[in-house]
Amino acid sequence: MEAIQAFLYQLAVNFDLPILDWIQAHLQCGFMDTIMPIITLFGEGGIFWIAWAVILLIIPKTRKVGLSMIFALLLGLLVCNITLKPLVARIRPYDLQEQDFGIYINLLIERQHDFSFPSGHTIASFEAAVVLLKNSKKMGIPALILAILVSFSRLYLYVHYPSDVLVSVVLGTIFAFIGCALANLIKLPTVKKGKFER
């Protein structure tokens, strides 16, 4: 575990922090300061995506998609939030800046109370968005755009390292495909067509 911590520290110093500092120096403005704390809420606790999945579960024609999302979100919770976060125990980038370099980062949101790796917001957003994209472009494209914005918001708000987010995008995508595969193993009641449907 010490070797992993040493690797993550070097990654933070040589790759992550320069990107976060570039974002702060070149993209920070009043509009972004206002909109990013709002956008990031769409990934908070996965609640928005869970609600979307529940709505899809209620509608017979989209029940399989909703089930796929639920499976994917549960995988993310178990593997990432419950297992990887405490195991890797990576401190947040603003804490690293303050502890090791004496730089205090003025955050636009409250300080986070868990570890940094991986990004739960990003994983939940990509799990849901990829499932939706896989099943419906009409729902999937807007969801994917929102997932990308949520992921970027974590960088803009200085609460995650870019490497956290990149790994989380990959994990979220993998869990989405696994969620779809698991949902396909379950036989749901068939939807009877109405008299006006062919």
Protein backbone atom coordinates (compact mmCIF):
# COMPACT_ATOMS: atom_id res chain seq x y z
CA MET A 1 0.00 0.00 0.00
CA GLU A 2 2.94 2.35 0.68
CA ALA A 3 4.12 1.86 -2.91
CA ILE A 4 0.65 2.81 -4.19
CA GLN A 5 0.60 5.91 -1.97
CA ALA A 6 4.06 6.92 -3.23
CA PHE A 7 2.94 6.45 -6.85
CA LEU A 8 -0.22 8.49 -6.29
CA TYR A 9 1.78 11.27 -4.65
CA GLN A 10 4.15 11.52 -7.61
CA LEU A 11 1.19 11.38 -9.98
CA ALA A 12 -0.46 14.21 -8.08
CA VAL A 13 2.63 16.41 -8.13
CA ASN A 14 3.65 15.78 -11.74
CA PHE A 15 0.28 15.36 -13.45
CA ASP A 16 -2.79 16.19 -11.37
CA LEU A 17 -1.99 19.43 -9.56
CA PRO A 18 -0.63 21.21 -12.66
CA ILE A 19 -3.91 20.48 -14.47
CA LEU A 20 -6.04 21.65 -11.54
CA ASP A 21 -3.95 24.81 -11.23
CA TRP A 22 -4.27 25.46 -14.98
CA ILE A 23 -8.06 25.19 -14.71
CA GLN A 24 -8.04 27.65 -11.80
CA ALA A 25 -5.77 30.07 -13.66
CA HIS A 26 -7.44 29.99 -17.08
CA LEU A 27 -11.07 28.89 -16.73
CA GLN A 28 -12.17 30.37 -13.43
CA CYS A 29 -14.78 33.11 -13.74
CA GLY A 30 -17.95 34.32 -12.06
CA PHE A 31 -20.26 32.31 -14.31
CA MET A 32 -18.35 29.06 -13.74
CA ASP A 33 -18.12 29.75 -10.02
CA THR A 34 -21.91 29.96 -9.96
CA ILE A 35 -22.82 27.06 -12.25
CA MET A 36 -20.28 24.39 -11.24
CA PRO A 37 -21.49 23.96 -7.63
CA ILE A 38 -24.99 23.42 -9.09
CA ILE A 39 -23.86 20.96 -11.77
CA THR A 40 -21.91 18.89 -9.25
CA LEU A 41 -25.13 18.29 -7.27
CA PHE A 42 -26.36 16.02 -10.07
CA GLY A 43 -23.75 13.48 -8.95
CA GLU A 44 -24.25 13.94 -5.21
CA GLY A 45 -24.84 10.53 -3.66
CA GLY A 46 -26.05 9.29 -7.03
CA ILE A 47 -29.52 10.48 -5.97
CA PHE A 48 -30.41 12.08 -9.31
CA TRP A 49 -29.41 8.96 -11.25
CA ILE A 50 -31.15 6.64 -8.76
CA ALA A 51 -34.35 8.67 -9.14
CA TRP A 52 -34.06 8.41 -12.94
CA ALA A 53 -33.55 4.64 -12.66
CA VAL A 54 -36.59 4.27 -10.40
CA ILE A 55 -38.77 6.18 -12.88
CA LEU A 56 -37.59 3.86 -15.65
CA LEU A 57 -38.32 0.84 -13.44
CA ILE A 58 -41.91 1.99 -12.96
CA ILE A 59 -42.54 2.26 -16.72
CA PRO A 60 -42.96 -1.28 -18.12
CA LYS A 61 -41.27 -0.56 -21.47
CA THR A 62 -38.11 0.83 -19.83
CA ARG A 63 -37.97 -1.51 -16.84
CA LYS A 64 -34.90 -3.38 -18.13
CA VAL A 65 -32.99 -0.11 -18.59
CA GLY A 66 -33.88 0.99 -15.08
CA LEU A 67 -32.77 -2.37 -13.70
CA SER A 68 -29.48 -2.09 -15.61
CA MET A 69 -28.88 1.33 -14.05
CA ILE A 70 -29.65 0.05 -10.55
CA PHE A 71 -27.22 -2.87 -10.96
CA ALA A 72 -24.50 -0.56 -12.29
CA LEU A 73 -25.00 1.97 -9.47
CA LEU A 74 -24.87 -0.80 -6.85
CA LEU A 75 -21.61 -2.09 -8.32
CA GLY A 76 -20.13 1.41 -8.11
CA LEU A 77 -21.24 1.76 -4.51
CA LEU A 78 -19.78 -1.58 -3.44
CA VAL A 79 -16.52 -1.52 -5.38
CA CYS A 80 -15.67 2.17 -5.30
CA ASN A 81 -17.28 3.90 -2.34
CA ILE A 82 -17.22 1.04 0.15
CA THR A 83 -14.02 -0.75 -0.96
CA LEU A 84 -11.60 1.44 -2.94
CA LYS A 85 -12.04 4.80 -1.17
CA PRO A 86 -11.04 3.60 2.32
CA LEU A 87 -8.50 1.11 0.95
CA VAL A 88 -6.56 3.62 -1.17
CA ALA A 89 -7.23 6.49 1.28
CA ARG A 90 -6.07 9.25 -1.07
CA ILE A 91 -6.38 12.69 0.48
CA ARG A 92 -8.16 15.45 -1.41
CA PRO A 93 -6.09 17.75 -3.66
CA TYR A 94 -6.85 20.84 -1.57
CA ASP A 95 -5.62 19.00 1.55
CA LEU A 96 -2.41 17.98 -0.25
CA GLN A 97 -1.79 21.55 -1.36
CA GLU A 98 -2.26 22.82 2.18
CA GLN A 99 -0.33 20.09 4.01
CA ASP A 100 2.66 19.74 1.69
CA PHE A 101 2.95 23.11 -0.04
CA GLY A 102 1.31 25.58 2.34
CA ILE A 103 -1.21 26.66 -0.31
CA TYR A 104 -4.76 27.19 0.89
CA ILE A 105 -7.41 26.54 -1.77
CA ASN A 106 -10.55 28.63 -1.38
CA LEU A 107 -13.33 26.11 -2.12
CA LEU A 108 -16.70 26.98 -3.60
CA ILE A 109 -18.38 24.03 -1.84
CA GLU A 110 -17.99 22.41 1.55
CA ARG A 111 -14.90 20.34 2.27
CA GLN A 112 -15.51 16.68 1.53
CA HIS A 113 -15.58 14.19 4.39
CA ASP A 114 -14.30 11.11 2.59
CA PHE A 115 -11.25 10.17 0.53
CA SER A 116 -10.56 11.28 -3.02
CA PHE A 117 -10.05 8.11 -5.08
CA PRO A 118 -12.15 7.28 -6.99
CA SER A 119 -14.72 9.97 -7.77
CA GLY A 120 -18.16 8.73 -6.71
CA HIS A 121 -19.86 11.57 -8.60
CA THR A 122 -18.11 10.59 -11.82
CA ILE A 123 -18.65 6.86 -11.47
CA ALA A 124 -22.38 7.17 -10.74
CA SER A 125 -22.85 9.63 -13.59
CA PHE A 126 -21.05 7.50 -16.17
CA GLU A 127 -22.69 4.27 -14.99
CA ALA A 128 -26.11 5.77 -15.58
CA ALA A 129 -25.24 7.70 -18.74
CA VAL A 130 -23.58 4.76 -20.49
CA VAL A 131 -26.51 2.46 -19.66
CA LEU A 132 -28.90 5.05 -21.08
CA LEU A 133 -26.74 5.64 -24.17
CA LYS A 134 -26.51 1.91 -24.77
CA ASN A 135 -30.30 1.65 -24.79
CA SER A 136 -31.53 5.00 -26.08
CA LYS A 137 -29.66 7.83 -27.77
CA LYS A 138 -32.55 10.16 -27.00
CA MET A 139 -31.94 9.76 -23.26
CA GLY A 140 -28.30 8.75 -23.46
CA ILE A 141 -26.78 11.76 -25.21
CA PRO A 142 -28.13 14.38 -22.75
CA ALA A 143 -27.19 12.06 -19.87
CA LEU A 144 -23.65 11.68 -21.21
CA ILE A 145 -23.26 15.44 -21.60
CA LEU A 146 -24.42 15.88 -18.01
CA ALA A 147 -22.02 13.13 -16.83
CA ILE A 148 -19.10 14.92 -18.52
CA LEU A 149 -20.11 18.23 -16.92
CA VAL A 150 -20.41 16.60 -13.48
CA SER A 151 -16.97 15.05 -13.90
CA PHE A 152 -15.43 18.36 -14.94
CA SER A 153 -17.12 20.11 -12.02
CA ARG A 154 -15.13 17.91 -9.62
CA LEU A 155 -11.93 19.26 -11.15
CA TYR A 156 -13.10 22.86 -11.33
CA LEU A 157 -14.12 22.72 -7.67
CA TYR A 158 -10.68 21.30 -6.77
CA VAL A 159 -12.12 18.31 -4.89
CA HIS A 160 -10.73 15.56 -7.14
CA TYR A 161 -7.52 14.88 -9.03
CA PRO A 162 -7.79 14.41 -12.81
CA SER A 163 -6.50 10.85 -12.36
CA ASP A 164 -9.42 10.17 -9.97
CA VAL A 165 -11.85 11.29 -12.63
CA LEU A 166 -10.19 9.45 -15.54
CA VAL A 167 -10.14 6.13 -13.67
CA SER A 168 -13.72 6.72 -12.56
CA VAL A 169 -14.89 7.26 -16.15
CA VAL A 170 -13.40 3.88 -17.08
CA LEU A 171 -14.83 2.11 -14.03
CA GLY A 172 -18.25 3.71 -14.50
CA THR A 173 -18.33 2.56 -18.14
CA ILE A 174 -17.30 -0.99 -17.20
CA PHE A 175 -19.94 -1.18 -14.46
CA ALA A 176 -22.57 0.08 -16.92
CA PHE A 177 -21.90 -2.83 -19.26
CA ILE A 178 -21.87 -5.30 -16.37
CA GLY A 179 -25.15 -3.82 -15.13
CA CYS A 180 -26.73 -4.34 -18.55
CA ALA A 181 -25.43 -7.92 -18.68
CA LEU A 182 -26.85 -8.69 -15.23
CA ALA A 183 -30.22 -7.16 -16.10
CA ASN A 184 -30.39 -9.30 -19.25
CA LEU A 185 -30.10 -12.43 -17.08
CA ILE A 186 -33.37 -11.54 -15.38
CA LYS A 187 -36.58 -12.32 -17.20
CA LEU A 188 -39.08 -9.53 -16.66
CA PRO A 189 -42.82 -9.87 -17.36
CA THR A 190 -43.58 -9.10 -20.99
CA VAL A 191 -45.44 -5.91 -21.75
CA LYS A 192 -48.81 -6.50 -23.40
CA LYS A 193 -49.39 -4.30 -26.40
CA GLY A 194 -52.37 -2.00 -26.33
CA LYS A 195 -55.18 -2.29 -28.88
CA PHE A 196 -53.78 0.69 -30.83
CA GLU A 197 -50.27 -0.83 -31.03
CA ARG A 198 -49.12 -3.25 -33.70
